[in-house]
C-alpha atoms as a PDB file:
ATOM      1  CA  MET A   1      28.312 -18.940  -8.251  1.00  0.00           C
ATOM      2  CA  ASP A   2      28.918 -18.517  -4.554  1.00  0.00           C
ATOM      3  CA  ILE A   3      28.432 -15.553  -2.356  1.00  0.00           C
ATOM      4  CA  SER A   4      30.085 -15.444   1.039  1.00  0.00           C
ATOM      5  CA  LEU A   5      28.005 -13.704   3.742  1.00  0.00           C
ATOM      6  CA  ASN A   6      28.607 -13.251   7.414  1.00  0.00           C
ATOM      7  CA  LYS A   7      25.674 -13.625   9.863  1.00  0.00           C
ATOM      8  CA  ALA A   8      24.840  -9.909   9.797  1.00  0.00           C
ATOM      9  CA  GLU A   9      24.856  -9.805   6.021  1.00  0.00           C
ATOM     10  CA  LEU A  10      22.701 -12.891   5.834  1.00  0.00           C
ATOM     11  CA  GLU A  11      20.146 -11.249   8.137  1.00  0.00           C
ATOM     12  CA  LYS A  12      20.119  -8.177   5.872  1.00  0.00           C
ATOM     13  CA  LEU A  13      19.568 -10.408   2.863  1.00  0.00           C
ATOM     14  CA  VAL A  14      16.656 -12.040   4.588  1.00  0.00           C
ATOM     15  CA  GLU A  15      15.260  -8.619   5.396  1.00  0.00           C
ATOM     16  CA  ILE A  16      15.590  -7.574   1.737  1.00  0.00           C
ATOM     17  CA  ALA A  17      13.685 -10.813   0.856  1.00  0.00           C
ATOM     18  CA  ILE A  18      10.957  -9.935   3.374  1.00  0.00           C
ATOM     19  CA  MET A  19      10.532  -6.473   1.792  1.00  0.00           C
ATOM     20  CA  ALA A  20      10.483  -7.913  -1.718  1.00  0.00           C
ATOM     21  CA  GLU A  21       7.935 -10.586  -0.745  1.00  0.00           C
ATOM     22  CA  TRP A  22       5.785  -7.961   0.971  1.00  0.00           C
ATOM     23  CA  VAL A  23       5.749  -5.739  -2.145  1.00  0.00           C
ATOM     24  CA  MET A  24       4.697  -8.682  -4.328  1.00  0.00           C
ATOM     25  CA  THR A  25       2.097 -10.215  -2.005  1.00  0.00           C
ATOM     26  CA  ALA A  26       0.801  -7.741   0.644  1.00  0.00           C
ATOM     27  CA  HIS A  27      -2.344  -6.658  -1.148  1.00  0.00           C
ATOM     28  CA  ASP A  28      -3.305  -9.698  -3.186  1.00  0.00           C
ATOM     29  CA  TYR A  29      -1.675 -12.695  -1.612  1.00  0.00           C
ATOM     30  CA  GLU A  30      -4.415 -15.085  -2.536  1.00  0.00           C
ATOM     31  CA  GLU A  31      -4.401 -14.106  -6.174  1.00  0.00           C
ATOM     32  CA  GLU A  32      -2.310 -16.404  -8.347  1.00  0.00           C
ATOM     33  CA  ASP A  33       0.100 -14.426 -10.393  1.00  0.00           C
ATOM     34  CA  GLY A  34       2.682 -16.430 -12.359  1.00  0.00           C
ATOM     35  CA  ARG A  35       4.908 -13.395 -12.667  1.00  0.00           C
ATOM     36  CA  ARG A  36       5.876 -13.856  -9.022  1.00  0.00           C
ATOM     37  CA  ASP A  37       6.744 -17.575  -9.113  1.00  0.00           C
ATOM     38  CA  ASP A  38      10.438 -17.277  -9.856  1.00  0.00           C
ATOM     39  CA  TYR A  39      10.848 -14.563  -7.218  1.00  0.00           C
ATOM     40  CA  ILE A  40       8.991 -16.499  -4.579  1.00  0.00           C
ATOM     41  CA  LYS A  41      11.166 -19.557  -5.322  1.00  0.00           C
ATOM     42  CA  LEU A  42      14.311 -17.467  -4.882  1.00  0.00           C
ATOM     43  CA  ILE A  43      12.984 -16.002  -1.643  1.00  0.00           C
ATOM     44  CA  GLN A  44      12.300 -19.536  -0.451  1.00  0.00           C
ATOM     45  CA  LYS A  45      15.866 -20.404  -1.270  1.00  0.00           C
ATOM     46  CA  ILE A  46      17.128 -17.470   0.734  1.00  0.00           C
ATOM     47  CA  TYR A  47      14.936 -18.399   3.727  1.00  0.00           C
ATOM     48  CA  ALA A  48      16.051 -22.050   3.575  1.00  0.00           C
ATOM     49  CA  HIS A  49      19.694 -21.045   3.396  1.00  0.00           C
ATOM     50  CA  ALA A  50      19.263 -18.705   6.336  1.00  0.00           C
ATOM     51  CA  SER A  51      17.512 -21.317   8.390  1.00  0.00           C
ATOM     52  CA  LYS A  52      20.291 -23.819   7.789  1.00  0.00           C
ATOM     53  CA  ASN A  53      23.029 -21.227   8.461  1.00  0.00           C
ATOM     54  CA  GLY A  54      22.492 -19.661  11.842  1.00  0.00           C
ATOM     55  CA  MET A  55      18.954 -18.248  11.565  1.00  0.00           C
ATOM     56  CA  LYS A  56      16.927 -21.317  12.694  1.00  0.00           C
ATOM     57  CA  LYS A  57      15.174 -19.258  15.420  1.00  0.00           C
ATOM     58  CA  GLU A  58      14.360 -16.459  12.945  1.00  0.00           C
ATOM     59  CA  ILE A  59      13.082 -18.640  10.054  1.00  0.00           C
ATOM     60  CA  ASP A  60      10.372 -21.218  10.558  1.00  0.00           C
ATOM     61  CA  PHE A  61       9.578 -24.120   8.288  1.00  0.00           C
ATOM     62  CA  MET A  62       5.811 -24.533   7.909  1.00  0.00           C
ATOM     63  CA  ASP A  63       5.236 -28.294   7.477  1.00  0.00           C
ATOM     64  CA  ASP A  64       1.642 -27.905   6.358  1.00  0.00           C
ATOM     65  CA  ILE A  65       2.547 -25.731   3.363  1.00  0.00           C
ATOM     66  CA  LYS A  66       6.155 -26.837   2.941  1.00  0.00           C
ATOM     67  CA  GLU A  67       7.528 -23.329   2.963  1.00  0.00           C
ATOM     68  CA  TYR A  68       9.969 -21.288   5.011  1.00  0.00           C
ATOM     69  CA  MET A  69       8.699 -18.102   6.628  1.00  0.00           C
ATOM     70  CA  PRO A  70      10.294 -15.522   8.888  1.00  0.00           C
ATOM     71  CA  ASN A  71       9.179 -15.890  12.515  1.00  0.00           C
ATOM     72  CA  THR A  72       6.622 -13.180  13.043  1.00  0.00           C
ATOM     73  CA  ASP A  73       7.931 -12.000  16.377  1.00  0.00           C
ATOM     74  CA  TRP A  74      11.444 -11.630  14.921  1.00  0.00           C
ATOM     75  CA  GLU A  75      10.205 -10.084  11.670  1.00  0.00           C
ATOM     76  CA  ASP A  76       8.193  -7.416  13.476  1.00  0.00           C
ATOM     77  CA  GLN A  77      11.428  -6.263  15.198  1.00  0.00           C
ATOM     78  CA  THR A  78      13.526  -5.990  12.054  1.00  0.00           C
ATOM     79  CA  GLN A  79      14.563  -2.835  10.242  1.00  0.00           C
ATOM     80  CA  ALA A  80      12.672  -4.263   7.236  1.00  0.00           C
ATOM     81  CA  ALA A  81       9.412  -4.066   9.207  1.00  0.00           C
ATOM     82  CA  GLU A  82      10.174  -0.460  10.077  1.00  0.00           C
ATOM     83  CA  PHE A  83      10.962   0.385   6.421  1.00  0.00           C
ATOM     84  CA  ILE A  84       7.655  -1.230   5.398  1.00  0.00           C
ATOM     85  CA  ARG A  85       5.650   0.742   8.023  1.00  0.00           C
ATOM     86  CA  GLU A  86       7.348   3.995   6.948  1.00  0.00           C
ATOM     87  CA  TYR A  87       6.696   3.235   3.282  1.00  0.00           C
ATOM     88  CA  GLU A  88       3.066   2.435   3.917  1.00  0.00           C
ATOM     89  CA  GLU A  89       2.539   5.655   5.949  1.00  0.00           C
ATOM     90  CA  LYS A  90       4.211   7.922   3.351  1.00  0.00           C
ATOM     91  CA  THR A  91       2.567   6.194   0.417  1.00  0.00           C
ATOM     92  CA  PHE A  92      -0.889   6.539   2.038  1.00  0.00           C
ATOM     93  CA  TRP A  93      -0.539  10.337   2.418  1.00  0.00           C
ATOM     94  CA  ASP A  94       1.200  10.877  -0.917  1.00  0.00           C
ATOM     95  CA  GLU A  95      -1.442   8.897  -2.803  1.00  0.00           C
ATOM     96  CA  LEU A  96      -4.319  10.546  -1.008  1.00  0.00           C
ATOM     97  CA  ILE A  97      -2.972  14.017  -1.699  1.00  0.00           C
ATOM     98  CA  GLU A  98      -2.084  13.206  -5.330  1.00  0.00           C
ATOM     99  CA  ARG A  99      -5.500  11.691  -6.114  1.00  0.00           C
ATOM    100  CA  LEU A 100      -7.463  14.464  -4.476  1.00  0.00           C
ATOM    101  CA  ALA A 101      -5.315  17.154  -6.194  1.00  0.00           C
ATOM    102  CA  ASP A 102      -5.743  15.406  -9.569  1.00  0.00           C
ATOM    103  CA  ARG A 103      -9.514  15.204  -9.065  1.00  0.00           C
ATOM    104  CA  ASP A 104      -9.833  18.854  -8.125  1.00  0.00           C
ATOM    105  CA  MET A 105      -7.502  20.008 -10.943  1.00  0.00           C
ATOM    106  CA  ASN A 106      -9.604  18.016 -13.446  1.00  0.00           C
ATOM    107  CA  ARG A 107     -12.786  19.566 -12.034  1.00  0.00           C
ATOM    108  CA  LYS A 108     -11.288  23.050 -12.260  1.00  0.00           C
ATOM    109  CA  LEU A 109     -10.208  22.481 -15.880  1.00  0.00           C
ATOM    110  CA  GLY A 110     -13.630  21.039 -16.713  1.00  0.00           C
ATOM    111  CA  GLY A 111     -12.173  18.023 -18.496  1.00  0.00           C
ATOM    112  CA  LYS A 112      -9.905  20.120 -20.694  1.00  0.00           C
ATOM    113  CA  LYS A 113      -6.117  20.118 -20.715  1.00  0.00           C
ATOM    114  CA  ALA A 114      -4.200  22.980 -19.198  1.00  0.00           C
ATOM    115  CA  GLY A 115      -2.771  25.457 -21.709  1.00  0.00           C
ATOM    116  CA  SER A 116       0.787  24.570 -20.740  1.00  0.00           C
ATOM    117  CA  PHE A 117       2.779  22.284 -18.526  1.00  0.00           C
ATOM    118  CA  GLU A 118       3.463  25.231 -16.222  1.00  0.00           C
ATOM    119  CA  GLU A 119      -0.269  25.987 -15.917  1.00  0.00           C
ATOM    120  CA  HIS A 120      -0.962  22.264 -15.266  1.00  0.00           C
ATOM    121  CA  MET A 121       1.637  22.179 -12.502  1.00  0.00           C
ATOM    122  CA  ALA A 122       0.501  25.477 -10.968  1.00  0.00           C
ATOM    123  CA  ILE A 123      -3.070  24.224 -10.656  1.00  0.00           C
ATOM    124  CA  TYR A 124      -1.978  20.796  -9.385  1.00  0.00           C
ATOM    125  CA  GLU A 125       0.378  22.373  -6.822  1.00  0.00           C
ATOM    126  CA  GLU A 126      -2.404  24.661  -5.640  1.00  0.00           C
ATOM    127  CA  PHE A 127      -4.522  21.704  -4.659  1.00  0.00           C
ATOM    128  CA  ALA A 128      -1.621  19.453  -3.554  1.00  0.00           C
ATOM    129  CA  THR A 129      -0.386  22.174  -1.168  1.00  0.00           C
ATOM    130  CA  LYS A 130      -3.876  22.720   0.211  1.00  0.00           C
ATOM    131  CA  TYR A 131      -4.342  19.031   0.959  1.00  0.00           C
ATOM    132  CA  GLY A 132      -0.759  18.537   2.160  1.00  0.00           C
ATOM    133  CA  GLU A 133      -1.123  21.359   4.677  1.00  0.00           C
ATOM    134  CA  GLU A 134      -4.501  20.122   5.799  1.00  0.00           C
ATOM    135  CA  PHE A 135      -3.418  16.565   6.386  1.00  0.00           C
ATOM    136  CA  ALA A 136      -0.138  17.589   7.996  1.00  0.00           C
ATOM    137  CA  GLU A 137      -2.127  19.611  10.533  1.00  0.00           C
ATOM    138  CA  ASN A 138      -5.285  17.507  11.008  1.00  0.00           C
ATOM    139  CA  GLU A 139      -4.638  14.091   9.432  1.00  0.00           C
ATOM    140  CA  LEU A 140      -8.047  12.612   8.607  1.00  0.00           C
ATOM    141  CA  GLU A 141     -10.000  14.561  11.212  1.00  0.00           C
ATOM    142  CA  ASN A 142     -11.690  16.898   8.714  1.00  0.00           C
ATOM    143  CA  LEU A 143     -12.094  14.370   5.877  1.00  0.00           C
ATOM    144  CA  GLU A 144     -15.634  13.332   5.304  1.00  0.00           C
ATOM    145  CA  ILE A 145     -17.532  11.561   2.522  1.00  0.00           C
ATOM    146  CA  LYS A 146     -20.118  13.822   1.011  1.00  0.00           C
ATOM    147  CA  GLN A 147     -23.252  11.937   0.098  1.00  0.00           C
ATOM    148  CA  ALA A 148     -24.744  12.571  -3.240  1.00  0.00           C
ATOM    149  CA  ALA A 149     -28.066  14.415  -3.090  1.00  0.00           C
ATOM    150  CA  LYS A 150     -30.889  11.948  -3.126  1.00  0.00           C
ATOM    151  CA  ALA A 151     -33.970  12.495  -5.183  1.00  0.00           C
ATOM    152  CA  LYS A 152     -37.012  13.208  -3.138  1.00  0.00           C
ATOM    153  CA  PRO A 153     -39.405  10.283  -3.100  1.00  0.00           C
ATOM    154  CA  ALA A 154     -42.604  10.823  -5.027  1.00  0.00           C
ATOM    155  CA  ALA A 155     -45.387  11.977  -2.802  1.00  0.00           C
ATOM    156  CA  ALA A 156     -47.462   9.054  -1.637  1.00  0.00           C
ATOM    157  CA  ALA A 157     -50.999   9.059  -2.888  1.00  0.00           C
ATOM    158  CA  LYS A 158     -53.348  10.054  -0.139  1.00  0.00           C
ATOM    159  CA  PRO A 159     -55.796   7.368   0.688  1.00  0.00           C
ATOM    160  CA  GLY A 160     -59.107   8.219  -0.877  1.00  0.00           C
ATOM    161  CA  LYS A 161     -62.585   7.636   0.418  1.00  0.00           C
ATOM    162  CA  LYS A 162     -64.253   4.623  -0.970  1.00  0.00           C
ATOM    163  CA  ARG A 163     -67.553   5.249  -2.533  1.00  0.00           C
END
């Protein structure tokens, strides 16, 4: 099977490969995960093809590890890098709001299930809206970690007089 791509299409394909590789490896790149092997091999094939077909400056071959990698300076200027930054930003806020809203909803329900889906969603939306508005206005400025109350240390025995 052959696919004919012009230079602009090849660059977009490389950017798609960059995004795919980032999704698979960004948070646990040192962890071996056999599920990724076939995908990483295909990404390497794409990078190799790109390097040999007009993208030598954009794709580096790393002799020490025998792998192709996008040139960091070029990669940082791609639309793929912008998509990744936007995705990370939106995901951070969405996850933070969702997890805090879930936590507060579960606290409000005291570990029980809501009576209906509508009730569940109403309670969840109450908290999600509160956090969404807060973070939209103040980002993390008002977010603090509350320390659990510590038990008071036992009173030290007063030194007694020796007899």
